[in-house]
């Protein structure tokens, strides 16, 4: 079946079209299930497993922020600080670099929670803190085992390895999330993304689901009944995800997304093209 087409309209004119490949493990499919891309931040719930394996007293906040692509909101930064304290580490130990326009240096990076969780896992296992992001470090070797597959590897935006999988495998990826990790994401969806984030809002719309967005228009999710989904916007534009999610998962509020101008006036919409 062809990919979904998300139209961007202004007035009655179509200004842009985004093609979205979407797959569910229950057989629903739009586009190419063999399409291969990097997991990027959608891997975070699996990358958090070494942390959860290492402690039995983690708070939901610590686990959720380890799975997060956060927006540097105050509660999110506080949760990163909790993990750094557990690791006996400081902001200077974070190897995620900085992001332009973000507050608090390395702490404000959207992957700082994942990195703080990695430091805490290293501390618990007696692994070196220095170089924890490198492929040959014991932590990254463990994560590679957890992710599996034999596809291409590259370096993610925050400096850790990232792995490529076909969309058919990505659809079931988050169904492998451990119960403790999934419970924390459900309990604190606000930490996983933040205000207005697609994954946060999906978890609020569909109780029992977990979701994690990735870079370049990738989105993975899993439901309480074991169904998994993966969506990839062909041109990498994440703005097309909500209408595609609305169509795939029946979320009415996501089916049409308003386009606003700088005055806050609604001047158009994003919506699925009629099939």
Protein backbone atom coordinates (compact mmCIF):
# COMPACT_ATOMS: atom_id res chain seq x y z
CA UNK A 1 0.00 0.00 0.00
CA UNK A 2 1.17 3.55 -0.68
CA UNK A 3 2.48 5.75 2.15
CA UNK A 4 0.08 8.14 3.84
CA UNK A 5 0.15 11.65 2.38
CA UNK A 6 -0.08 14.52 4.85
CA UNK A 7 -1.18 17.73 3.18
CA UNK A 8 -0.13 21.17 4.42
CA UNK A 9 -2.76 23.66 3.36
CA UNK A 10 -2.93 27.44 3.58
CA UNK A 11 -6.38 28.63 2.73
CA UNK A 12 -7.57 26.35 -0.05
CA UNK A 13 -4.09 25.76 -1.52
CA UNK A 14 -1.87 22.75 -0.78
CA UNK A 15 1.58 24.17 0.00
CA UNK A 16 3.39 20.92 0.82
CA UNK A 17 2.93 17.17 0.97
CA UNK A 18 4.73 14.81 3.39
CA UNK A 19 4.82 11.06 2.71
CA UNK A 20 4.57 8.96 5.88
CA UNK A 21 5.41 5.25 6.06
CA UNK A 22 3.43 3.68 8.91
CA UNK A 23 3.30 0.11 10.15
CA UNK A 24 1.52 -1.70 12.97
CA UNK A 25 2.22 -5.22 14.17
CA UNK A 26 -1.47 -6.08 13.80
CA UNK A 27 -1.17 -5.92 10.01
CA UNK A 28 -2.00 -2.31 9.21
CA UNK A 29 0.56 -0.98 6.77
CA UNK A 30 1.10 2.13 4.69
CA UNK A 31 4.25 2.44 2.64
CA UNK A 32 7.36 0.30 2.62
CA UNK A 33 7.96 -2.02 5.60
CA UNK A 34 11.53 -2.51 4.37
CA UNK A 35 12.32 1.20 4.68
CA UNK A 36 15.41 1.41 6.88
CA UNK A 37 16.44 4.30 9.08
CA UNK A 38 18.22 4.94 12.37
CA UNK A 39 16.42 4.49 15.66
CA UNK A 40 17.83 7.73 17.05
CA UNK A 41 15.95 8.77 20.22
CA UNK A 42 13.23 6.15 19.78
CA UNK A 43 15.81 3.72 21.20
CA UNK A 44 15.89 5.41 24.61
CA UNK A 45 13.49 3.08 26.48
CA UNK A 46 15.76 0.17 25.53
CA UNK A 47 18.92 2.17 26.19
CA UNK A 48 17.59 2.70 29.73
CA UNK A 49 17.60 -1.03 30.51
CA UNK A 50 21.16 -1.11 31.97
CA UNK A 51 20.09 1.62 34.40
CA UNK A 52 16.99 -0.29 35.52
CA UNK A 53 18.96 -3.52 35.79
CA UNK A 54 21.40 -1.80 38.16
CA UNK A 55 19.05 -0.39 40.83
CA UNK A 56 15.87 -1.53 42.56
CA UNK A 57 14.97 1.83 44.08
CA UNK A 58 14.68 4.10 41.04
CA UNK A 59 11.94 6.72 41.11
CA UNK A 60 9.61 7.06 38.14
CA UNK A 61 11.19 10.45 37.49
CA UNK A 62 14.64 8.94 37.10
CA UNK A 63 13.53 6.28 34.64
CA UNK A 64 11.26 8.56 32.62
CA UNK A 65 13.96 11.20 32.17
CA UNK A 66 16.44 8.51 31.09
CA UNK A 67 13.96 7.73 28.27
CA UNK A 68 13.38 11.38 27.41
CA UNK A 69 14.04 13.84 24.65
CA UNK A 70 13.23 16.65 27.03
CA UNK A 71 12.61 20.34 26.48
CA UNK A 72 14.68 21.63 29.41
CA UNK A 73 11.56 22.31 31.46
CA UNK A 74 12.30 22.85 35.18
CA UNK A 75 10.95 19.47 36.35
CA UNK A 76 12.87 17.72 33.59
CA UNK A 77 16.16 19.34 34.59
CA UNK A 78 15.48 18.46 38.23
CA UNK A 79 15.05 14.81 37.21
CA UNK A 80 18.38 14.86 35.36
CA UNK A 81 20.01 16.24 38.50
CA UNK A 82 18.51 13.33 40.48
CA UNK A 83 20.23 10.83 38.19
CA UNK A 84 23.51 12.71 38.29
CA UNK A 85 23.41 12.64 42.09
CA UNK A 86 22.77 8.89 42.01
CA UNK A 87 25.76 8.49 39.70
CA UNK A 88 27.98 10.61 41.91
CA UNK A 89 28.60 12.67 38.78
CA UNK A 90 28.37 16.30 37.72
CA UNK A 91 27.22 18.12 34.61
CA UNK A 92 30.86 18.11 33.48
CA UNK A 93 30.72 14.31 33.25
CA UNK A 94 27.92 14.43 30.69
CA UNK A 95 29.32 13.68 27.23
CA UNK A 96 26.30 14.88 25.25
CA UNK A 97 27.69 18.29 24.35
CA UNK A 98 25.51 21.42 24.21
CA UNK A 99 22.63 22.57 22.03
CA UNK A 100 22.33 26.11 20.79
CA UNK A 101 19.51 28.03 22.44
CA UNK A 102 19.21 25.61 25.37
CA UNK A 103 19.77 26.70 28.99
CA UNK A 104 22.28 25.31 31.48
CA UNK A 105 24.91 24.02 29.07
CA UNK A 106 25.16 20.24 28.88
CA UNK A 107 22.34 19.82 31.41
CA UNK A 108 19.90 21.47 29.01
CA UNK A 109 20.64 19.11 26.12
CA UNK A 110 17.54 17.10 25.23
CA UNK A 111 19.47 13.84 25.76
CA UNK A 112 21.00 14.75 29.12
CA UNK A 113 18.62 12.42 30.99
CA UNK A 114 19.72 9.46 28.91
CA UNK A 115 23.36 10.35 29.48
CA UNK A 116 22.85 10.82 33.23
CA UNK A 117 21.20 7.39 33.33
CA UNK A 118 24.17 5.92 31.49
CA UNK A 119 26.53 7.43 34.04
CA UNK A 120 24.46 5.94 36.87
CA UNK A 121 24.52 2.51 35.21
CA UNK A 122 28.29 2.76 34.86
CA UNK A 123 28.70 3.69 38.51
CA UNK A 124 26.63 0.71 39.66
CA UNK A 125 28.53 -1.75 37.46
CA UNK A 126 32.02 -0.44 38.16
CA UNK A 127 32.49 0.65 34.55
CA UNK A 128 34.56 3.76 33.73
CA UNK A 129 32.57 6.99 33.53
CA UNK A 130 34.97 8.45 31.01
CA UNK A 131 34.13 7.47 27.46
CA UNK A 132 30.81 5.81 28.37
CA UNK A 133 29.38 6.95 25.02
CA UNK A 134 31.94 5.13 22.86
CA UNK A 135 31.03 1.91 21.01
CA UNK A 136 33.66 -0.25 22.74
CA UNK A 137 32.69 0.83 26.26
CA UNK A 138 31.05 -2.00 28.29
CA UNK A 139 27.82 0.02 28.58
CA UNK A 140 27.45 0.50 24.84
CA UNK A 141 28.31 -3.13 24.18
CA UNK A 142 25.46 -4.11 26.53
CA UNK A 143 23.06 -1.73 24.76
CA UNK A 144 24.09 -3.17 21.40
CA UNK A 145 23.14 -6.64 22.68
CA UNK A 146 19.76 -5.35 23.83
CA UNK A 147 18.92 -3.63 20.55
CA UNK A 148 20.00 -6.56 18.40
CA UNK A 149 19.95 -6.66 14.64
CA UNK A 150 22.89 -6.50 12.31
CA UNK A 151 22.18 -3.27 10.45
CA UNK A 152 24.28 -0.17 9.96
CA UNK A 153 25.58 1.86 12.87
CA UNK A 154 26.41 5.55 13.11
CA UNK A 155 26.87 8.28 15.71
CA UNK A 156 23.74 9.91 17.10
CA UNK A 157 23.38 13.65 17.62
CA UNK A 158 24.39 13.36 21.27
CA UNK A 159 27.47 11.24 20.58
CA UNK A 160 26.31 7.69 21.40
CA UNK A 161 25.95 4.89 18.82
CA UNK A 162 22.69 4.62 16.92
CA UNK A 163 21.45 1.63 14.97
CA UNK A 164 19.48 1.21 11.75
CA UNK A 165 16.50 -1.14 11.46
CA UNK A 166 13.79 -1.65 8.85
CA UNK A 167 10.39 -0.24 9.71
CA UNK A 168 8.96 -3.75 10.09
CA UNK A 169 11.35 -4.38 13.00
CA UNK A 170 10.87 -0.92 14.46
CA UNK A 171 7.12 -1.53 14.74
CA UNK A 172 7.73 -4.16 17.42
CA UNK A 173 10.71 -2.39 19.00
CA UNK A 174 8.98 -0.75 21.96
CA UNK A 175 6.94 -3.88 22.70
CA UNK A 176 10.24 -5.13 24.21
CA UNK A 177 10.30 -2.33 26.78
CA UNK A 178 10.58 -3.80 30.31
CA UNK A 179 7.52 -3.39 32.52
CA UNK A 180 9.35 -1.12 34.98
CA UNK A 181 10.45 1.25 32.21
CA UNK A 182 7.01 1.29 30.62
CA UNK A 183 5.35 1.99 33.98
CA UNK A 184 7.58 5.00 34.59
CA UNK A 185 6.89 6.40 31.12
CA UNK A 186 3.14 6.04 31.68
CA UNK A 187 3.40 7.63 35.12
CA UNK A 188 5.45 10.62 33.93
CA UNK A 189 4.75 11.27 30.23
CA UNK A 190 5.46 14.94 30.91
CA UNK A 191 9.12 14.10 31.48
CA UNK A 192 9.49 11.91 28.38
CA UNK A 193 8.77 14.79 26.01
CA UNK A 194 7.20 17.87 27.51
CA UNK A 195 4.51 20.41 26.75
CA UNK A 196 3.19 19.85 23.23
CA UNK A 197 5.50 16.92 22.44
CA UNK A 198 3.94 14.23 20.26
CA UNK A 199 4.99 11.32 22.49
CA UNK A 200 3.80 13.00 25.69
CA UNK A 201 0.45 13.90 24.14
CA UNK A 202 -0.08 10.43 22.66
CA UNK A 203 0.48 8.79 26.05
CA UNK A 204 -2.09 11.15 27.55
CA UNK A 205 -4.58 10.47 24.75
CA UNK A 206 -4.16 6.68 24.88
CA UNK A 207 -3.79 5.51 28.49
CA UNK A 208 -1.62 2.41 28.75
CA UNK A 209 0.42 3.23 25.67
CA UNK A 210 4.10 4.19 25.65
CA UNK A 211 5.62 6.29 22.90
CA UNK A 212 8.98 7.74 21.94
CA UNK A 213 9.74 10.08 19.09
CA UNK A 214 13.07 10.11 17.27
CA UNK A 215 14.88 12.52 15.01
CA UNK A 216 14.12 12.92 11.30
CA UNK A 217 10.41 12.21 11.61
CA UNK A 218 10.53 8.84 13.37
CA UNK A 219 7.98 7.71 15.95
CA UNK A 220 7.61 4.39 17.77
CA UNK A 221 4.90 3.32 20.20
CA UNK A 222 3.44 0.26 21.88
CA UNK A 223 0.01 -0.45 23.34
CA UNK A 224 -1.02 -2.38 26.46
CA UNK A 225 -2.40 -5.18 24.27
CA UNK A 226 1.03 -5.81 22.75
CA UNK A 227 0.52 -4.02 19.44
CA UNK A 228 3.45 -1.94 18.26
CA UNK A 229 3.69 0.81 15.66
CA UNK A 230 6.39 2.73 13.83
CA UNK A 231 6.05 5.77 11.61
CA UNK A 232 8.69 7.45 9.48
CA UNK A 233 8.17 10.71 7.61
CA UNK A 234 10.07 10.28 4.38
CA UNK A 235 11.45 13.84 4.30
CA UNK A 236 12.21 13.90 8.04
CA UNK A 237 9.63 16.53 8.96
CA UNK A 238 8.07 15.70 12.31
CA UNK A 239 5.12 18.04 11.75
CA UNK A 240 3.48 15.34 9.65
CA UNK A 241 3.41 12.81 12.49
CA UNK A 242 0.23 13.89 14.30
CA UNK A 243 -2.17 13.53 11.38
CA UNK A 244 -0.57 10.18 10.51
CA UNK A 245 -0.89 8.99 14.12
CA UNK A 246 -4.46 10.18 14.21
CA UNK A 247 -5.24 8.14 11.10
CA UNK A 248 -3.36 5.01 12.19
CA UNK A 249 -4.51 4.94 15.81
CA UNK A 250 -7.89 6.64 15.57
CA UNK A 251 -7.00 9.70 17.66
CA UNK A 252 -9.55 12.27 16.54
CA UNK A 253 -7.71 15.22 18.11
CA UNK A 254 -4.61 14.42 16.04
CA UNK A 255 -6.33 14.04 12.67
CA UNK A 256 -6.09 17.74 11.76
CA UNK A 257 -3.41 20.07 13.09
CA UNK A 258 -3.93 23.83 12.66
CA UNK A 259 -1.33 26.00 10.96
CA UNK A 260 -1.02 29.39 12.65
CA UNK A 261 0.72 32.61 11.69
CA UNK A 262 2.81 34.87 13.94
CA UNK A 263 -0.36 36.60 15.16
CA UNK A 264 -1.81 33.34 16.41
CA UNK A 265 -4.40 33.23 13.64
CA UNK A 266 -5.26 29.84 12.14
CA UNK A 267 -4.48 30.08 8.44
CA UNK A 268 -4.32 26.43 7.34
CA UNK A 269 -4.03 22.85 8.48
CA UNK A 270 -2.10 19.58 8.27
CA UNK A 271 -4.30 16.61 7.44
CA UNK A 272 -4.28 13.26 5.68
CA UNK A 273 -5.04 13.39 1.96
CA UNK A 274 -8.19 11.46 0.99
CA UNK A 275 -7.32 7.96 -0.15
